[in-house]
């Protein structure tokens, strides 16, 4: 399954309202993604909110070039959905 982010809107903190090309929409809390030096500047909520959906990559990207895999964003948005647990296990997000 290849996923693409179709639209995204910043919410409070590090949460993003996001839509995918499979028709699902949800809210992804991306706090867990902000690890490592590449994400240091994004820990400032005002900087974090400056993302956009890149048409070529079809995911969220920030002005410093950082991006996240659409599958990771999808997992964060729907991690509690029982119907998707097998998919998330296959992707390696859960054991």
N, C-alpha and C. Protein backbone atom coordinates (compact mmCIF):
# COMPACT_ATOMS: atom_id res chain seq x y z
N UNK A 1 0.85 -1.18 0.00
CA UNK A 1 0.00 0.00 0.00
C UNK A 1 0.90 1.24 0.00
N UNK A 2 0.75 2.06 -1.01
CA UNK A 2 1.46 3.32 -1.06
C UNK A 2 0.47 4.42 -0.70
N UNK A 3 0.82 5.22 0.27
CA UNK A 3 -0.05 6.30 0.74
C UNK A 3 0.54 7.64 0.35
N UNK A 4 -0.36 8.59 0.15
CA UNK A 4 0.07 9.95 -0.14
C UNK A 4 -0.79 10.90 0.69
N UNK A 5 -0.14 11.92 1.24
CA UNK A 5 -0.85 12.96 1.96
C UNK A 5 -1.46 13.90 0.92
N UNK A 6 -2.75 14.15 1.04
CA UNK A 6 -3.42 15.04 0.09
C UNK A 6 -3.59 16.45 0.64
N UNK A 7 -3.74 16.56 1.94
CA UNK A 7 -3.85 17.88 2.57
C UNK A 7 -3.52 17.76 4.05
N UNK A 8 -3.08 18.88 4.61
CA UNK A 8 -2.71 18.90 6.02
C UNK A 8 -2.85 20.31 6.56
N UNK A 9 -3.26 20.38 7.82
CA UNK A 9 -3.46 21.67 8.48
C UNK A 9 -2.92 21.58 9.90
N UNK A 10 -2.11 22.57 10.31
CA UNK A 10 -1.59 22.53 11.68
C UNK A 10 -2.68 22.78 12.70
N UNK A 11 -2.57 22.08 13.81
CA UNK A 11 -3.47 22.28 14.95
C UNK A 11 -2.61 22.75 16.13
N UNK A 12 -3.03 22.50 17.34
CA UNK A 12 -2.25 22.91 18.50
C UNK A 12 -1.06 21.97 18.71
N UNK A 13 -0.02 22.51 19.34
CA UNK A 13 1.16 21.71 19.62
C UNK A 13 1.76 21.13 18.35
N UNK A 14 1.96 19.82 18.34
CA UNK A 14 2.55 19.14 17.19
C UNK A 14 1.53 18.24 16.51
N UNK A 15 0.29 18.65 16.59
CA UNK A 15 -0.79 17.87 15.97
C UNK A 15 -1.13 18.46 14.61
N UNK A 16 -1.48 17.55 13.70
CA UNK A 16 -1.77 17.93 12.31
C UNK A 16 -3.05 17.23 11.88
N UNK A 17 -3.98 18.00 11.35
CA UNK A 17 -5.16 17.42 10.71
C UNK A 17 -4.70 17.04 9.30
N UNK A 18 -4.91 15.78 8.93
CA UNK A 18 -4.32 15.30 7.69
C UNK A 18 -5.29 14.41 6.92
N UNK A 19 -5.20 14.48 5.59
CA UNK A 19 -6.00 13.63 4.72
C UNK A 19 -5.09 12.84 3.80
N UNK A 20 -5.54 11.65 3.44
CA UNK A 20 -4.76 10.74 2.61
C UNK A 20 -5.52 10.36 1.35
N UNK A 21 -4.79 9.85 0.38
CA UNK A 21 -5.41 9.51 -0.89
C UNK A 21 -6.31 8.28 -0.83
N UNK A 22 -6.36 7.59 0.31
CA UNK A 22 -7.32 6.49 0.46
C UNK A 22 -8.66 6.99 1.01
N UNK A 23 -8.77 8.31 1.19
CA UNK A 23 -10.01 8.91 1.66
C UNK A 23 -10.10 9.13 3.16
N UNK A 24 -9.17 8.56 3.91
CA UNK A 24 -9.20 8.72 5.37
C UNK A 24 -8.68 10.10 5.76
N UNK A 25 -9.29 10.63 6.81
CA UNK A 25 -8.83 11.88 7.41
C UNK A 25 -8.73 11.67 8.91
N UNK A 26 -7.74 12.29 9.52
CA UNK A 26 -7.57 12.15 10.95
C UNK A 26 -6.63 13.20 11.50
N UNK A 27 -6.29 13.03 12.76
CA UNK A 27 -5.36 13.94 13.43
C UNK A 27 -4.15 13.13 13.88
N UNK A 28 -2.98 13.56 13.43
CA UNK A 28 -1.73 12.89 13.79
C UNK A 28 -0.98 13.75 14.79
N UNK A 29 -0.63 13.16 15.92
CA UNK A 29 0.25 13.83 16.88
C UNK A 29 1.67 13.42 16.52
N UNK A 30 2.45 14.37 16.05
CA UNK A 30 3.79 14.06 15.55
C UNK A 30 4.89 14.33 16.57
N UNK A 31 4.52 14.47 17.83
CA UNK A 31 5.48 14.73 18.90
C UNK A 31 6.60 13.69 18.90
N UNK A 32 6.25 12.42 18.76
CA UNK A 32 7.24 11.33 18.80
C UNK A 32 8.26 11.42 17.67
N UNK A 33 7.92 12.10 16.59
CA UNK A 33 8.81 12.19 15.43
C UNK A 33 9.94 13.20 15.64
N UNK A 34 9.80 14.07 16.62
CA UNK A 34 10.75 15.17 16.79
C UNK A 34 11.99 14.76 17.57
N UNK A 35 12.65 13.71 17.10
CA UNK A 35 13.86 13.20 17.73
C UNK A 35 15.03 13.40 16.78
N UNK A 36 16.17 13.74 17.31
CA UNK A 36 17.37 13.91 16.50
C UNK A 36 17.57 15.34 16.04
N UNK A 37 18.80 15.65 15.63
CA UNK A 37 19.16 17.03 15.30
C UNK A 37 18.38 17.63 14.14
N UNK A 38 17.94 16.81 13.20
CA UNK A 38 17.21 17.34 12.07
C UNK A 38 15.88 17.98 12.50
N UNK A 39 15.36 17.53 13.62
CA UNK A 39 14.07 18.01 14.08
C UNK A 39 14.16 19.09 15.16
N UNK A 40 15.39 19.46 15.56
CA UNK A 40 15.55 20.43 16.64
C UNK A 40 14.78 21.72 16.40
N UNK A 41 14.90 22.30 15.21
CA UNK A 41 14.21 23.57 14.95
C UNK A 41 12.69 23.41 14.95
N UNK A 42 12.21 22.20 14.65
CA UNK A 42 10.77 21.96 14.60
C UNK A 42 10.14 21.83 15.98
N UNK A 43 10.97 21.76 17.01
CA UNK A 43 10.44 21.69 18.37
C UNK A 43 9.83 23.02 18.79
N UNK A 44 10.12 24.07 18.06
CA UNK A 44 9.45 25.36 18.25
C UNK A 44 8.11 25.25 17.53
N UNK A 45 6.99 25.29 18.25
CA UNK A 45 5.68 25.11 17.62
C UNK A 45 5.39 26.06 16.45
N UNK A 46 5.92 27.28 16.52
CA UNK A 46 5.70 28.22 15.41
C UNK A 46 6.43 27.77 14.15
N UNK A 47 7.61 27.21 14.31
CA UNK A 47 8.36 26.68 13.16
C UNK A 47 7.70 25.40 12.66
N UNK A 48 7.27 24.55 13.59
CA UNK A 48 6.62 23.30 13.23
C UNK A 48 5.43 23.55 12.29
N UNK A 49 4.67 24.57 12.57
CA UNK A 49 3.45 24.86 11.80
C UNK A 49 3.71 25.37 10.39
N UNK A 50 4.96 25.57 10.02
CA UNK A 50 5.30 26.09 8.69
C UNK A 50 5.44 25.00 7.63
N UNK A 51 4.92 23.81 7.91
CA UNK A 51 5.01 22.73 6.92
C UNK A 51 4.06 22.99 5.75
N UNK A 52 4.27 22.21 4.72
CA UNK A 52 3.37 22.21 3.56
C UNK A 52 3.33 20.79 3.01
N UNK A 53 2.36 20.52 2.17
CA UNK A 53 2.32 19.23 1.49
C UNK A 53 3.05 19.40 0.16
N UNK A 54 4.13 18.68 0.00
CA UNK A 54 4.93 18.74 -1.22
C UNK A 54 4.24 17.91 -2.30
N UNK A 55 4.00 18.52 -3.45
CA UNK A 55 3.29 17.82 -4.53
C UNK A 55 4.08 16.65 -5.09
N UNK A 56 5.39 16.78 -5.14
CA UNK A 56 6.21 15.70 -5.69
C UNK A 56 6.37 14.55 -4.69
N UNK A 57 6.71 14.88 -3.45
CA UNK A 57 6.90 13.84 -2.43
C UNK A 57 5.58 13.32 -1.88
N UNK A 58 4.54 14.13 -1.98
CA UNK A 58 3.19 13.78 -1.51
C UNK A 58 3.18 13.45 -0.02
N UNK A 59 3.90 14.28 0.72
CA UNK A 59 3.92 14.19 2.17
C UNK A 59 4.19 15.57 2.74
N UNK A 60 4.22 15.66 4.06
CA UNK A 60 4.50 16.91 4.75
C UNK A 60 6.00 17.19 4.72
N UNK A 61 6.36 18.43 4.36
CA UNK A 61 7.76 18.85 4.39
C UNK A 61 7.85 20.23 5.05
N UNK A 62 9.01 20.50 5.62
CA UNK A 62 9.26 21.78 6.28
C UNK A 62 10.29 22.56 5.48
N UNK A 63 10.37 23.87 5.69
CA UNK A 63 11.32 24.70 4.94
C UNK A 63 12.78 24.26 5.06
N UNK A 64 13.16 23.58 6.16
CA UNK A 64 14.54 23.12 6.31
C UNK A 64 14.82 21.82 5.55
N UNK A 65 13.83 21.31 4.82
CA UNK A 65 14.01 20.09 4.03
C UNK A 65 13.59 18.81 4.73
N UNK A 66 13.24 18.89 5.98
CA UNK A 66 12.79 17.71 6.72
C UNK A 66 11.43 17.26 6.21
N UNK A 67 11.24 15.96 6.12
CA UNK A 67 9.93 15.42 5.76
C UNK A 67 9.69 14.15 6.56
N UNK A 68 8.45 13.70 6.54
CA UNK A 68 8.08 12.45 7.21
C UNK A 68 7.41 11.53 6.20
N UNK A 69 7.66 10.24 6.36
CA UNK A 69 7.01 9.26 5.50
C UNK A 69 5.50 9.32 5.70
N UNK A 70 4.74 9.29 4.62
CA UNK A 70 3.29 9.32 4.77
C UNK A 70 2.76 8.16 5.61
N UNK A 71 3.42 6.99 5.54
CA UNK A 71 2.99 5.85 6.34
C UNK A 71 3.13 6.12 7.83
N UNK A 72 4.18 6.84 8.20
CA UNK A 72 4.37 7.19 9.61
C UNK A 72 3.27 8.14 10.07
N UNK A 73 2.96 9.11 9.26
CA UNK A 73 1.90 10.07 9.60
C UNK A 73 0.57 9.33 9.71
N UNK A 74 0.33 8.41 8.80
CA UNK A 74 -0.90 7.60 8.80
C UNK A 74 -0.99 6.79 10.09
N UNK A 75 0.14 6.17 10.45
CA UNK A 75 0.18 5.41 11.70
C UNK A 75 -0.16 6.29 12.90
N UNK A 76 0.42 7.47 12.96
CA UNK A 76 0.15 8.37 14.08
C UNK A 76 -1.31 8.82 14.11
N UNK A 77 -1.91 8.97 12.95
CA UNK A 77 -3.31 9.41 12.89
C UNK A 77 -4.29 8.29 13.26
N UNK A 78 -3.94 7.05 12.93
CA UNK A 78 -4.90 5.95 13.08
C UNK A 78 -4.35 4.79 13.91
N UNK A 79 -3.39 5.06 14.75
CA UNK A 79 -2.71 4.00 15.51
C UNK A 79 -3.64 3.19 16.40
N UNK A 80 -4.77 3.74 16.80
CA UNK A 80 -5.70 3.02 17.68
C UNK A 80 -6.83 2.31 16.93
N UNK A 81 -6.81 2.38 15.60
CA UNK A 81 -7.85 1.75 14.80
C UNK A 81 -7.60 0.24 14.75
N UNK A 82 -8.50 -0.57 15.34
CA UNK A 82 -8.27 -2.03 15.37
C UNK A 82 -8.16 -2.64 13.98
N UNK A 83 -8.84 -2.08 13.01
CA UNK A 83 -8.81 -2.64 11.66
C UNK A 83 -7.45 -2.46 10.97
N UNK A 84 -6.63 -1.55 11.48
CA UNK A 84 -5.34 -1.27 10.84
C UNK A 84 -4.15 -1.88 11.56
N UNK A 85 -4.38 -2.59 12.64
CA UNK A 85 -3.28 -3.12 13.43
C UNK A 85 -2.39 -4.08 12.63
N UNK A 86 -2.99 -4.92 11.80
CA UNK A 86 -2.19 -5.86 11.00
C UNK A 86 -1.31 -5.09 10.01
N UNK A 87 -1.84 -4.04 9.44
CA UNK A 87 -1.07 -3.22 8.50
C UNK A 87 0.10 -2.56 9.22
N UNK A 88 -0.16 -1.98 10.39
CA UNK A 88 0.90 -1.32 11.15
C UNK A 88 1.97 -2.30 11.61
N UNK A 89 1.55 -3.52 11.92
CA UNK A 89 2.50 -4.57 12.29
C UNK A 89 3.38 -4.91 11.08
N UNK A 90 2.77 -5.03 9.92
CA UNK A 90 3.49 -5.34 8.70
C UNK A 90 4.50 -4.24 8.37
N UNK A 91 4.14 -3.00 8.63
CA UNK A 91 5.03 -1.87 8.39
C UNK A 91 6.12 -1.74 9.44
N UNK A 92 6.00 -2.49 10.54
CA UNK A 92 7.01 -2.46 11.58
C UNK A 92 6.80 -1.40 12.67
N UNK A 93 5.62 -0.80 12.70
CA UNK A 93 5.36 0.22 13.71
C UNK A 93 4.92 -0.37 15.05
N UNK A 94 4.43 -1.61 15.04
CA UNK A 94 4.10 -2.29 16.28
C UNK A 94 4.64 -3.72 16.20
N UNK A 95 4.90 -4.28 17.37
CA UNK A 95 5.48 -5.63 17.42
C UNK A 95 4.38 -6.68 17.33
